[in-house]
N, C-alpha and C. Protein backbone atom coordinates (compact mmCIF):
# COMPACT_ATOMS: atom_id res chain seq x y z
N MET A 1 37.14 -4.48 -29.78
CA MET A 1 35.71 -4.92 -28.71
C MET A 1 35.24 -6.00 -28.34
N ASP A 2 35.49 -6.00 -27.34
CA ASP A 2 35.48 -7.25 -26.65
C ASP A 2 33.73 -7.85 -26.60
N ILE A 3 33.14 -8.76 -28.01
CA ILE A 3 32.86 -9.92 -28.43
C ILE A 3 32.09 -10.02 -26.77
N ALA A 4 33.10 -11.13 -26.26
CA ALA A 4 32.03 -11.87 -25.38
C ALA A 4 32.12 -11.34 -23.66
N GLY A 5 32.89 -9.69 -23.39
CA GLY A 5 32.53 -9.00 -22.37
C GLY A 5 31.71 -8.29 -22.53
N LEU A 6 30.78 -7.80 -24.14
CA LEU A 6 29.62 -7.37 -24.14
C LEU A 6 28.58 -8.12 -24.31
N SER A 7 28.81 -9.31 -24.75
CA SER A 7 27.66 -9.81 -24.24
C SER A 7 27.18 -10.89 -22.99
N THR A 8 28.33 -10.71 -21.30
CA THR A 8 28.18 -10.94 -20.39
C THR A 8 27.46 -10.07 -19.78
N VAL A 9 28.01 -8.06 -20.21
CA VAL A 9 27.48 -7.13 -20.04
C VAL A 9 25.71 -7.23 -20.28
N MET A 10 25.64 -7.26 -21.51
CA MET A 10 23.97 -7.17 -21.71
C MET A 10 23.35 -8.35 -21.48
N SER A 11 23.92 -9.76 -20.59
CA SER A 11 22.86 -10.47 -20.13
C SER A 11 23.01 -10.22 -19.11
N MET A 12 23.80 -9.82 -18.44
CA MET A 12 23.82 -9.13 -16.70
C MET A 12 23.02 -8.01 -16.41
N SER A 13 22.85 -7.21 -17.60
CA SER A 13 22.13 -6.45 -17.72
C SER A 13 20.18 -6.69 -17.82
N ASN A 14 20.10 -7.34 -18.45
CA ASN A 14 18.83 -8.09 -19.02
C ASN A 14 18.59 -9.06 -17.52
N LEU A 15 19.94 -9.14 -17.15
CA LEU A 15 18.89 -10.12 -15.35
C LEU A 15 18.51 -9.12 -14.65
N GLN A 16 19.24 -8.39 -14.44
CA GLN A 16 18.94 -7.31 -13.24
C GLN A 16 17.17 -6.49 -13.94
N THR A 17 17.55 -6.66 -14.59
CA THR A 17 15.99 -5.96 -15.21
C THR A 17 14.92 -6.98 -14.84
N ASP A 18 15.04 -8.08 -15.42
CA ASP A 18 13.73 -8.93 -15.40
C ASP A 18 13.86 -9.15 -13.57
N TRP A 19 14.80 -8.77 -12.75
CA TRP A 19 14.68 -9.43 -11.50
C TRP A 19 13.84 -8.12 -11.12
N GLY A 20 14.48 -7.31 -11.35
CA GLY A 20 13.84 -6.12 -10.80
C GLY A 20 12.21 -6.18 -10.97
N MET A 21 12.60 -6.53 -12.30
CA MET A 21 10.53 -6.47 -12.95
C MET A 21 9.52 -7.66 -12.18
N LYS A 22 10.27 -8.01 -11.79
CA LYS A 22 9.47 -9.22 -10.80
C LYS A 22 9.35 -8.73 -9.43
N MET A 23 10.75 -8.38 -8.91
CA MET A 23 10.28 -7.71 -7.10
C MET A 23 9.15 -6.21 -7.44
N LEU A 24 9.21 -5.82 -8.62
CA LEU A 24 8.25 -4.80 -8.34
C LEU A 24 6.87 -4.91 -8.13
N ASP A 25 6.51 -6.67 -9.40
CA ASP A 25 5.71 -7.07 -9.46
C ASP A 25 5.52 -7.36 -7.95
N LYS A 26 6.14 -8.14 -7.27
CA LYS A 26 5.80 -9.00 -6.34
C LYS A 26 5.36 -7.49 -5.30
N THR A 27 5.51 -6.13 -4.85
CA THR A 27 5.81 -5.60 -4.14
C THR A 27 4.20 -4.74 -4.50
N MET A 28 3.79 -4.79 -5.90
CA MET A 28 2.80 -3.87 -6.30
C MET A 28 1.87 -5.39 -5.76
N ASP A 29 1.82 -5.95 -5.93
CA ASP A 29 0.71 -7.61 -5.61
C ASP A 29 0.68 -7.63 -3.92
N THR A 30 1.92 -7.19 -3.39
CA THR A 30 1.38 -7.41 -1.83
C THR A 30 1.02 -6.14 -1.28
N ALA A 31 1.04 -4.51 -2.36
CA ALA A 31 0.67 -3.68 -1.80
C ALA A 31 -1.19 -3.48 -2.06
N ASN A 32 -1.61 -3.94 -3.08
CA ASN A 32 -2.97 -4.29 -3.39
C ASN A 32 -3.39 -5.60 -2.69
N VAL A 33 -3.18 -6.76 -1.79
CA VAL A 33 -3.07 -6.99 -1.38
C VAL A 33 -3.81 -6.80 0.22
N GLN A 34 -2.59 -5.44 0.75
CA GLN A 34 -2.58 -4.77 1.98
C GLN A 34 -4.09 -3.82 1.55
N GLY A 35 -3.83 -3.26 0.61
CA GLY A 35 -5.64 -2.27 0.36
C GLY A 35 -6.53 -2.42 0.13
N SER A 36 -6.52 -4.15 -0.27
CA SER A 36 -8.09 -4.28 -0.05
C SER A 36 -8.52 -4.43 1.33
N GLN A 37 -7.33 -5.04 2.16
CA GLN A 37 -7.44 -5.53 3.50
C GLN A 37 -7.95 -4.30 4.14
N LEU A 38 -7.32 -3.33 4.13
CA LEU A 38 -7.43 -2.02 5.18
C LEU A 38 -8.63 -1.85 4.71
N ALA A 39 -9.57 -1.85 3.40
CA ALA A 39 -10.88 -1.35 2.94
C ALA A 39 -11.56 -1.80 3.79
N GLN A 40 -11.26 -3.47 3.42
CA GLN A 40 -12.39 -4.30 4.22
C GLN A 40 -12.61 -4.05 6.06
N MET A 41 -11.61 -3.53 6.60
CA MET A 41 -11.06 -3.50 8.21
C MET A 41 -11.99 -2.09 8.28
N ILE A 42 -11.98 -0.73 7.02
CA ILE A 42 -12.60 0.97 6.99
C ILE A 42 -13.81 0.06 7.21
N ALA A 43 -14.25 -0.71 6.36
CA ALA A 43 -15.84 -0.82 6.11
C ALA A 43 -16.85 -1.44 6.48
N SER A 44 -16.00 -2.16 7.64
CA SER A 44 -16.41 -3.45 8.82
C SER A 44 -16.17 -2.63 9.95
N VAL A 45 -15.65 -1.18 10.37
CA VAL A 45 -15.99 -0.72 11.04
C VAL A 45 -17.60 0.45 11.78
N PRO A 46 -18.58 -0.04 12.58
CA PRO A 46 -19.48 1.03 12.40
C PRO A 46 -19.03 2.98 12.24
N THR A 47 -19.60 3.92 11.57
CA THR A 47 -20.05 5.22 11.30
C THR A 47 -19.56 5.52 12.14
N ALA A 48 -20.40 5.26 13.63
CA ALA A 48 -20.33 6.43 14.74
C ALA A 48 -19.33 6.02 14.95
N GLN A 49 -19.05 4.60 15.80
CA GLN A 49 -17.44 4.73 16.11
C GLN A 49 -16.31 5.36 15.20
N MET A 50 -16.25 5.03 13.82
CA MET A 50 -15.24 5.57 13.32
C MET A 50 -15.33 7.58 13.72
N GLU A 51 -15.97 7.60 13.37
CA GLU A 51 -16.83 9.42 13.72
C GLU A 51 -16.26 9.76 15.13
N LEU A 52 -16.31 8.47 16.15
CA LEU A 52 -16.18 9.01 17.21
C LEU A 52 -14.24 8.75 17.87
N SER A 53 -14.11 8.15 16.93
CA SER A 53 -12.41 7.83 16.90
C SER A 53 -11.88 9.43 16.44
N VAL A 54 -12.58 9.86 15.30
CA VAL A 54 -11.59 11.04 15.13
C VAL A 54 -11.87 12.18 15.14
N ASN A 55 -13.52 12.48 15.99
CA ASN A 55 -13.87 13.45 16.63
C ASN A 55 -14.10 13.40 18.16
N PRO A 56 -13.58 12.11 19.34
CA PRO A 56 -13.98 11.84 20.33
C PRO A 56 -14.46 13.11 21.78
N TYR A 57 -14.66 14.52 21.12
CA TYR A 57 -14.80 15.21 22.43
C TYR A 57 -16.61 15.63 21.90
N ILE A 58 -16.74 15.34 20.24
CA ILE A 58 -18.28 15.72 19.61
C ILE A 58 -19.43 15.14 20.41
N GLY A 59 -20.29 15.88 20.37
CA GLY A 59 -21.89 15.53 20.87
C GLY A 59 -20.98 14.78 22.44
N SER A 60 -20.32 14.30 23.14
CA SER A 60 -19.83 14.60 24.24
C SER A 60 -20.91 15.00 25.58
N GLN A 61 -20.99 16.53 25.57
CA GLN A 61 -21.42 17.46 26.58
C GLN A 61 -21.98 18.33 25.61
N PHE A 62 -23.14 19.06 26.30
CA PHE A 62 -23.88 19.85 25.26
C PHE A 62 -24.72 21.03 26.70
N ASP A 63 -25.14 21.76 26.18
CA ASP A 63 -25.92 22.86 27.32
C ASP A 63 -27.07 23.06 26.60
N VAL A 64 -28.40 22.94 27.78
CA VAL A 64 -29.53 23.15 27.10
C VAL A 64 -29.76 24.17 28.05
N ARG A 65 -30.61 25.39 27.53
CA ARG A 65 -30.51 26.32 27.69
C ARG A 65 -32.48 26.68 27.56
N ILE A 66 -33.08 27.15 28.62
CA ILE A 66 -34.79 26.86 28.35
C ILE A 66 -35.09 28.53 28.50
């Protein structure tokens, strides 16, 4: 068993794990910021305007019979 080779492999494995965790942390931070910005953007739109964007034809025409 080669101790130096094993040490190198373990060191590279730890480096890859640490790098992967840092990238995951950065990705999670970015997703958190984007999610909060999206929530603020949705909250800033008036409810009536949001309803019209989802159902544009509801309420635009109606029949009145007397």
